[in-house]
PDB file of N, CA and C in Angstrom:
ATOM      1  N   UNK A   1     -11.494 -17.662 -12.712  1.00  0.00           N
ATOM      2  CA  UNK A   1     -10.559 -17.423 -11.640  1.00  0.00           C
ATOM      3  C   UNK A   1      -9.127 -17.698 -12.115  1.00  0.00           C
ATOM      4  N   UNK A   2      -8.974 -18.759 -12.902  1.00  0.00           N
ATOM      5  CA  UNK A   2      -7.636 -19.074 -13.407  1.00  0.00           C
ATOM      6  C   UNK A   2      -7.084 -17.947 -14.281  1.00  0.00           C
ATOM      7  N   UNK A   3      -7.948 -17.355 -15.093  1.00  0.00           N
ATOM      8  CA  UNK A   3      -7.514 -16.253 -15.956  1.00  0.00           C
ATOM      9  C   UNK A   3      -7.004 -15.087 -15.122  1.00  0.00           C
ATOM     10  N   UNK A   4      -7.679 -14.801 -14.031  1.00  0.00           N
ATOM     11  CA  UNK A   4      -7.267 -13.692 -13.165  1.00  0.00           C
ATOM     12  C   UNK A   4      -5.880 -13.957 -12.573  1.00  0.00           C
ATOM     13  N   UNK A   5      -5.641 -15.155 -12.112  1.00  0.00           N
ATOM     14  CA  UNK A   5      -4.332 -15.484 -11.539  1.00  0.00           C
ATOM     15  C   UNK A   5      -3.252 -15.504 -12.617  1.00  0.00           C
ATOM     16  N   UNK A   6      -3.594 -15.981 -13.799  1.00  0.00           N
ATOM     17  CA  UNK A   6      -2.616 -15.960 -14.895  1.00  0.00           C
ATOM     18  C   UNK A   6      -2.235 -14.537 -15.261  1.00  0.00           C
ATOM     19  N   UNK A   7      -3.212 -13.639 -15.278  1.00  0.00           N
ATOM     20  CA  UNK A   7      -2.923 -12.225 -15.563  1.00  0.00           C
ATOM     21  C   UNK A   7      -2.065 -11.618 -14.459  1.00  0.00           C
ATOM     22  N   UNK A   8      -2.358 -11.963 -13.227  1.00  0.00           N
ATOM     23  CA  UNK A   8      -1.570 -11.472 -12.105  1.00  0.00           C
ATOM     24  C   UNK A   8      -0.121 -11.917 -12.235  1.00  0.00           C
ATOM     25  N   UNK A   9       0.081 -13.123 -12.746  1.00  0.00           N
ATOM     26  CA  UNK A   9       1.432 -13.657 -12.896  1.00  0.00           C
ATOM     27  C   UNK A   9       2.223 -12.917 -13.974  1.00  0.00           C
ATOM     28  N   UNK A  10       1.549 -12.138 -14.794  1.00  0.00           N
ATOM     29  CA  UNK A  10       2.242 -11.320 -15.791  1.00  0.00           C
ATOM     30  C   UNK A  10       2.881 -10.094 -15.144  1.00  0.00           C
ATOM     31  N   UNK A  11       2.484  -9.778 -13.926  1.00  0.00           N
ATOM     32  CA  UNK A  11       3.058  -8.656 -13.185  1.00  0.00           C
ATOM     33  C   UNK A  11       4.446  -9.057 -12.689  1.00  0.00           C
ATOM     34  N   UNK A  12       5.469  -8.337 -13.109  1.00  0.00           N
ATOM     35  CA  UNK A  12       6.853  -8.688 -12.781  1.00  0.00           C
ATOM     36  C   UNK A  12       7.111  -8.733 -11.282  1.00  0.00           C
ATOM     37  N   UNK A  13       6.597  -7.773 -10.548  1.00  0.00           N
ATOM     38  CA  UNK A  13       6.799  -7.753  -9.100  1.00  0.00           C
ATOM     39  C   UNK A  13       6.193  -8.962  -8.419  1.00  0.00           C
ATOM     40  N   UNK A  14       4.967  -9.304  -8.820  1.00  0.00           N
ATOM     41  CA  UNK A  14       4.300 -10.478  -8.256  1.00  0.00           C
ATOM     42  C   UNK A  14       5.065 -11.746  -8.600  1.00  0.00           C
ATOM     43  N   UNK A  15       5.458 -11.852  -9.857  1.00  0.00           N
ATOM     44  CA  UNK A  15       6.175 -13.043 -10.330  1.00  0.00           C
ATOM     45  C   UNK A  15       7.505 -13.199  -9.585  1.00  0.00           C
ATOM     46  N   UNK A  16       8.236 -12.115  -9.427  1.00  0.00           N
ATOM     47  CA  UNK A  16       9.511 -12.169  -8.712  1.00  0.00           C
ATOM     48  C   UNK A  16       9.316 -12.550  -7.248  1.00  0.00           C
ATOM     49  N   UNK A  17       8.281 -12.000  -6.617  1.00  0.00           N
ATOM     50  CA  UNK A  17       8.006 -12.319  -5.213  1.00  0.00           C
ATOM     51  C   UNK A  17       7.646 -13.792  -5.063  1.00  0.00           C
ATOM     52  N   UNK A  18       6.838 -14.294  -5.963  1.00  0.00           N
ATOM     53  CA  UNK A  18       6.445 -15.696  -5.901  1.00  0.00           C
ATOM     54  C   UNK A  18       7.641 -16.604  -6.157  1.00  0.00           C
ATOM     55  N   UNK A  19       8.452 -16.276  -7.137  1.00  0.00           N
ATOM     56  CA  UNK A  19       9.648 -17.072  -7.428  1.00  0.00           C
ATOM     57  C   UNK A  19      10.652 -17.035  -6.280  1.00  0.00           C
ATOM     58  N   UNK A  20      10.646 -15.962  -5.516  1.00  0.00           N
ATOM     59  CA  UNK A  20      11.572 -15.832  -4.389  1.00  0.00           C
ATOM     60  C   UNK A  20      11.253 -16.797  -3.255  1.00  0.00           C
ATOM     61  N   UNK A  21      10.083 -17.428  -3.309  1.00  0.00           N
ATOM     62  CA  UNK A  21       9.744 -18.410  -2.270  1.00  0.00           C
ATOM     63  C   UNK A  21      10.563 -19.686  -2.421  1.00  0.00           C
ATOM     64  N   UNK A  22      11.261 -19.817  -3.547  1.00  0.00           N
ATOM     65  CA  UNK A  22      12.224 -20.906  -3.764  1.00  0.00           C
ATOM     66  C   UNK A  22      11.708 -22.292  -3.412  1.00  0.00           C
ATOM     67  N   UNK A  23      10.513 -22.619  -3.816  1.00  0.00           N
ATOM     68  CA  UNK A  23       9.995 -23.965  -3.595  1.00  0.00           C
ATOM     69  C   UNK A  23       9.462 -24.229  -2.196  1.00  0.00           C
ATOM     70  N   UNK A  24       9.394 -23.210  -1.355  1.00  0.00           N
ATOM     71  CA  UNK A  24       8.852 -23.394  -0.001  1.00  0.00           C
ATOM     72  C   UNK A  24       7.375 -23.787  -0.080  1.00  0.00           C
ATOM     73  N   UNK A  25       6.911 -24.494   0.917  1.00  0.00           N
ATOM     74  CA  UNK A  25       5.486 -24.834   0.991  1.00  0.00           C
ATOM     75  C   UNK A  25       4.734 -23.558   1.345  1.00  0.00           C
ATOM     76  N   UNK A  26       3.784 -23.192   0.512  1.00  0.00           N
ATOM     77  CA  UNK A  26       3.012 -21.978   0.732  1.00  0.00           C
ATOM     78  C   UNK A  26       1.823 -22.279   1.637  1.00  0.00           C
ATOM     79  N   UNK A  27       1.573 -21.375   2.569  1.00  0.00           N
ATOM     80  CA  UNK A  27       0.435 -21.533   3.476  1.00  0.00           C
ATOM     81  C   UNK A  27      -0.355 -20.235   3.524  1.00  0.00           C
ATOM     82  N   UNK A  28      -1.591 -20.346   3.967  1.00  0.00           N
ATOM     83  CA  UNK A  28      -2.453 -19.177   4.096  1.00  0.00           C
ATOM     84  C   UNK A  28      -3.218 -19.338   5.405  1.00  0.00           C
ATOM     85  N   UNK A  29      -2.725 -18.704   6.435  1.00  0.00           N
ATOM     86  CA  UNK A  29      -3.240 -18.957   7.778  1.00  0.00           C
ATOM     87  C   UNK A  29      -4.597 -18.315   8.070  1.00  0.00           C
ATOM     88  N   UNK A  30      -4.997 -17.310   7.310  1.00  0.00           N
ATOM     89  CA  UNK A  30      -6.288 -16.686   7.599  1.00  0.00           C
ATOM     90  C   UNK A  30      -7.387 -17.148   6.638  1.00  0.00           C
ATOM     91  N   UNK A  31      -7.022 -18.016   5.713  1.00  0.00           N
ATOM     92  CA  UNK A  31      -8.001 -18.520   4.759  1.00  0.00           C
ATOM     93  C   UNK A  31      -8.941 -19.523   5.406  1.00  0.00           C
ATOM     94  N   UNK A  32     -10.113 -19.651   4.846  1.00  0.00           N
ATOM     95  CA  UNK A  32     -11.113 -20.607   5.321  1.00  0.00           C
ATOM     96  C   UNK A  32     -10.884 -21.960   4.662  1.00  0.00           C
ATOM     97  N   UNK A  33     -11.336 -23.012   5.310  1.00  0.00           N
ATOM     98  CA  UNK A  33     -11.195 -24.345   4.729  1.00  0.00           C
ATOM     99  C   UNK A  33     -12.516 -24.903   4.195  1.00  0.00           C
ATOM    100  N   UNK A  34     -13.634 -24.308   4.592  1.00  0.00           N
ATOM    101  CA  UNK A  34     -14.946 -24.755   4.108  1.00  0.00           C
ATOM    102  C   UNK A  34     -15.328 -23.972   2.852  1.00  0.00           C
ATOM    103  N   UNK A  35     -15.648 -24.696   1.797  1.00  0.00           N
ATOM    104  CA  UNK A  35     -16.016 -24.048   0.531  1.00  0.00           C
ATOM    105  C   UNK A  35     -17.230 -23.134   0.678  1.00  0.00           C
ATOM    106  N   UNK A  36     -18.097 -23.441   1.607  1.00  0.00           N
ATOM    107  CA  UNK A  36     -19.308 -22.632   1.783  1.00  0.00           C
ATOM    108  C   UNK A  36     -19.015 -21.281   2.443  1.00  0.00           C
ATOM    109  N   UNK A  37     -17.791 -21.099   2.953  1.00  0.00           N
ATOM    110  CA  UNK A  37     -17.429 -19.870   3.662  1.00  0.00           C
ATOM    111  C   UNK A  37     -16.509 -18.943   2.872  1.00  0.00           C
ATOM    112  N   UNK A  38     -16.119 -19.341   1.657  1.00  0.00           N
ATOM    113  CA  UNK A  38     -15.134 -18.555   0.917  1.00  0.00           C
ATOM    114  C   UNK A  38     -15.215 -18.824  -0.578  1.00  0.00           C
ATOM    115  N   UNK A  39     -14.617 -17.959  -1.352  1.00  0.00           N
ATOM    116  CA  UNK A  39     -14.539 -18.176  -2.797  1.00  0.00           C
ATOM    117  C   UNK A  39     -13.477 -19.229  -3.095  1.00  0.00           C
ATOM    118  N   UNK A  40     -12.335 -19.092  -2.453  1.00  0.00           N
ATOM    119  CA  UNK A  40     -11.246 -20.064  -2.568  1.00  0.00           C
ATOM    120  C   UNK A  40     -10.855 -20.512  -1.167  1.00  0.00           C
ATOM    121  N   UNK A  41     -10.731 -21.805  -0.979  1.00  0.00           N
ATOM    122  CA  UNK A  41     -10.232 -22.273   0.310  1.00  0.00           C
ATOM    123  C   UNK A  41      -8.742 -21.963   0.388  1.00  0.00           C
ATOM    124  N   UNK A  42      -8.190 -22.019   1.577  1.00  0.00           N
ATOM    125  CA  UNK A  42      -6.754 -21.775   1.747  1.00  0.00           C
ATOM    126  C   UNK A  42      -5.953 -22.746   0.887  1.00  0.00           C
ATOM    127  N   UNK A  43      -6.392 -23.999   0.824  1.00  0.00           N
ATOM    128  CA  UNK A  43      -5.694 -25.014   0.017  1.00  0.00           C
ATOM    129  C   UNK A  43      -5.746 -24.658  -1.467  1.00  0.00           C
ATOM    130  N   UNK A  44      -6.927 -24.242  -1.945  1.00  0.00           N
ATOM    131  CA  UNK A  44      -7.065 -23.867  -3.356  1.00  0.00           C
ATOM    132  C   UNK A  44      -6.203 -22.651  -3.688  1.00  0.00           C
ATOM    133  N   UNK A  45      -6.187 -21.678  -2.804  1.00  0.00           N
ATOM    134  CA  UNK A  45      -5.394 -20.463  -3.004  1.00  0.00           C
ATOM    135  C   UNK A  45      -3.914 -20.805  -3.117  1.00  0.00           C
ATOM    136  N   UNK A  46      -3.411 -21.570  -2.167  1.00  0.00           N
ATOM    137  CA  UNK A  46      -1.992 -21.938  -2.168  1.00  0.00           C
ATOM    138  C   UNK A  46      -1.650 -22.829  -3.354  1.00  0.00           C
ATOM    139  N   UNK A  47      -2.585 -23.680  -3.738  1.00  0.00           N
ATOM    140  CA  UNK A  47      -2.380 -24.550  -4.890  1.00  0.00           C
ATOM    141  C   UNK A  47      -2.223 -23.734  -6.171  1.00  0.00           C
ATOM    142  N   UNK A  48      -3.037 -22.706  -6.328  1.00  0.00           N
ATOM    143  CA  UNK A  48      -2.935 -21.840  -7.514  1.00  0.00           C
ATOM    144  C   UNK A  48      -1.591 -21.121  -7.555  1.00  0.00           C
ATOM    145  N   UNK A  49      -1.160 -20.625  -6.398  1.00  0.00           N
ATOM    146  CA  UNK A  49       0.120 -19.923  -6.350  1.00  0.00           C
ATOM    147  C   UNK A  49       1.284 -20.879  -6.632  1.00  0.00           C
ATOM    148  N   UNK A  50       1.218 -22.062  -6.073  1.00  0.00           N
ATOM    149  CA  UNK A  50       2.265 -23.059  -6.310  1.00  0.00           C
ATOM    150  C   UNK A  50       2.316 -23.430  -7.786  1.00  0.00           C
ATOM    151  N   UNK A  51       1.159 -23.589  -8.397  1.00  0.00           N
ATOM    152  CA  UNK A  51       1.095 -23.911  -9.825  1.00  0.00           C
ATOM    153  C   UNK A  51       1.749 -22.808 -10.664  1.00  0.00           C
ATOM    154  N   UNK A  52       1.426 -21.560 -10.355  1.00  0.00           N
ATOM    155  CA  UNK A  52       2.034 -20.445 -11.088  1.00  0.00           C
ATOM    156  C   UNK A  52       3.541 -20.415 -10.898  1.00  0.00           C
ATOM    157  N   UNK A  53       3.990 -20.667  -9.684  1.00  0.00           N
ATOM    158  CA  UNK A  53       5.430 -20.685  -9.415  1.00  0.00           C
ATOM    159  C   UNK A  53       6.102 -21.779 -10.236  1.00  0.00           C
ATOM    160  N   UNK A  54       5.481 -22.949 -10.322  1.00  0.00           N
ATOM    161  CA  UNK A  54       6.035 -24.047 -11.111  1.00  0.00           C
ATOM    162  C   UNK A  54       6.097 -23.690 -12.586  1.00  0.00           C
ATOM    163  N   UNK A  55       5.061 -23.026 -13.085  1.00  0.00           N
ATOM    164  CA  UNK A  55       5.067 -22.582 -14.482  1.00  0.00           C
ATOM    165  C   UNK A  55       6.222 -21.608 -14.712  1.00  0.00           C
ATOM    166  N   UNK A  56       6.415 -20.694 -13.785  1.00  0.00           N
ATOM    167  CA  UNK A  56       7.506 -19.727 -13.893  1.00  0.00           C
ATOM    168  C   UNK A  56       8.862 -20.399 -13.949  1.00  0.00           C
ATOM    169  N   UNK A  57       9.048 -21.430 -13.149  1.00  0.00           N
ATOM    170  CA  UNK A  57      10.323 -22.157 -13.154  1.00  0.00           C
ATOM    171  C   UNK A  57      10.532 -22.857 -14.490  1.00  0.00           C
ATOM    172  N   UNK A  58       9.450 -23.418 -15.053  1.00  0.00           N
ATOM    173  CA  UNK A  58       9.560 -24.056 -16.364  1.00  0.00           C
ATOM    174  C   UNK A  58       9.905 -23.036 -17.441  1.00  0.00           C
ATOM    175  N   UNK A  59       9.295 -21.854 -17.356  1.00  0.00           N
ATOM    176  CA  UNK A  59       9.597 -20.788 -18.323  1.00  0.00           C
ATOM    177  C   UNK A  59      11.060 -20.383 -18.227  1.00  0.00           C
ATOM    178  N   UNK A  60      11.561 -20.248 -17.009  1.00  0.00           N
ATOM    179  CA  UNK A  60      12.964 -19.875 -16.810  1.00  0.00           C
ATOM    180  C   UNK A  60      13.897 -20.936 -17.381  1.00  0.00           C
ATOM    181  N   UNK A  61      13.583 -22.197 -17.128  1.00  0.00           N
ATOM    182  CA  UNK A  61      14.410 -23.308 -17.617  1.00  0.00           C
ATOM    183  C   UNK A  61      14.430 -23.319 -19.142  1.00  0.00           C
ATOM    184  N   UNK A  62      13.263 -23.109 -19.754  1.00  0.00           N
ATOM    185  CA  UNK A  62      13.168 -23.082 -21.214  1.00  0.00           C
ATOM    186  C   UNK A  62      13.982 -21.922 -21.789  1.00  0.00           C
ATOM    187  N   UNK A  63      13.906 -20.782 -21.122  1.00  0.00           N
ATOM    188  CA  UNK A  63      14.632 -19.600 -21.571  1.00  0.00           C
ATOM    189  C   UNK A  63      16.150 -19.849 -21.536  1.00  0.00           C
ATOM    190  N   UNK A  64      16.633 -20.466 -20.481  1.00  0.00           N
ATOM    191  CA  UNK A  64      18.057 -20.763 -20.340  1.00  0.00           C
ATOM    192  C   UNK A  64      18.483 -21.748 -21.431  1.00  0.00           C
ATOM    193  N   UNK A  65      17.650 -22.775 -21.676  1.00  0.00           N
ATOM    194  CA  UNK A  65      17.977 -23.742 -22.713  1.00  0.00           C
ATOM    195  C   UNK A  65      18.047 -23.084 -24.083  1.00  0.00           C
ATOM    196  N   UNK A  66      17.122 -22.173 -24.361  1.00  0.00           N
ATOM    197  CA  UNK A  66      17.118 -21.486 -25.651  1.00  0.00           C
ATOM    198  C   UNK A  66      18.357 -20.613 -25.802  1.00  0.00           C
ATOM    199  N   UNK A  67      18.813 -20.012 -24.716  1.00  0.00           N
ATOM    200  CA  UNK A  67      20.006 -19.171 -24.771  1.00  0.00           C
ATOM    201  C   UNK A  67      21.253 -20.002 -25.017  1.00  0.00           C
ATOM    202  N   UNK A  68      21.268 -21.243 -24.563  1.00  0.00           N
ATOM    203  CA  UNK A  68      22.417 -22.111 -24.741  1.00  0.00           C
ATOM    204  C   UNK A  68      22.541 -22.616 -26.173  1.00  0.00           C
ATOM    205  N   UNK A  69      21.406 -22.709 -26.863  1.00  0.00           N
ATOM    206  CA  UNK A  69      21.432 -23.258 -28.213  1.00  0.00           C
ATOM    207  C   UNK A  69      21.157 -22.209 -29.181  1.00  0.00           C
TER     208      UNK A  69
END
């Protein structure tokens, strides 16, 4: 599952949309909370997206630092 989300994050449109959330708390109102009712709970889904967004911010910061030096 992680590989699928990592590949999705390679999509520029998806990455830009996720980065545009600017650190907002992500929610998923139609997701299930019981593991027995879903592949990913709403919490797991939002956690994966938040993690990818954080990785993107680190990549951006590293890129800016490399450009400065």
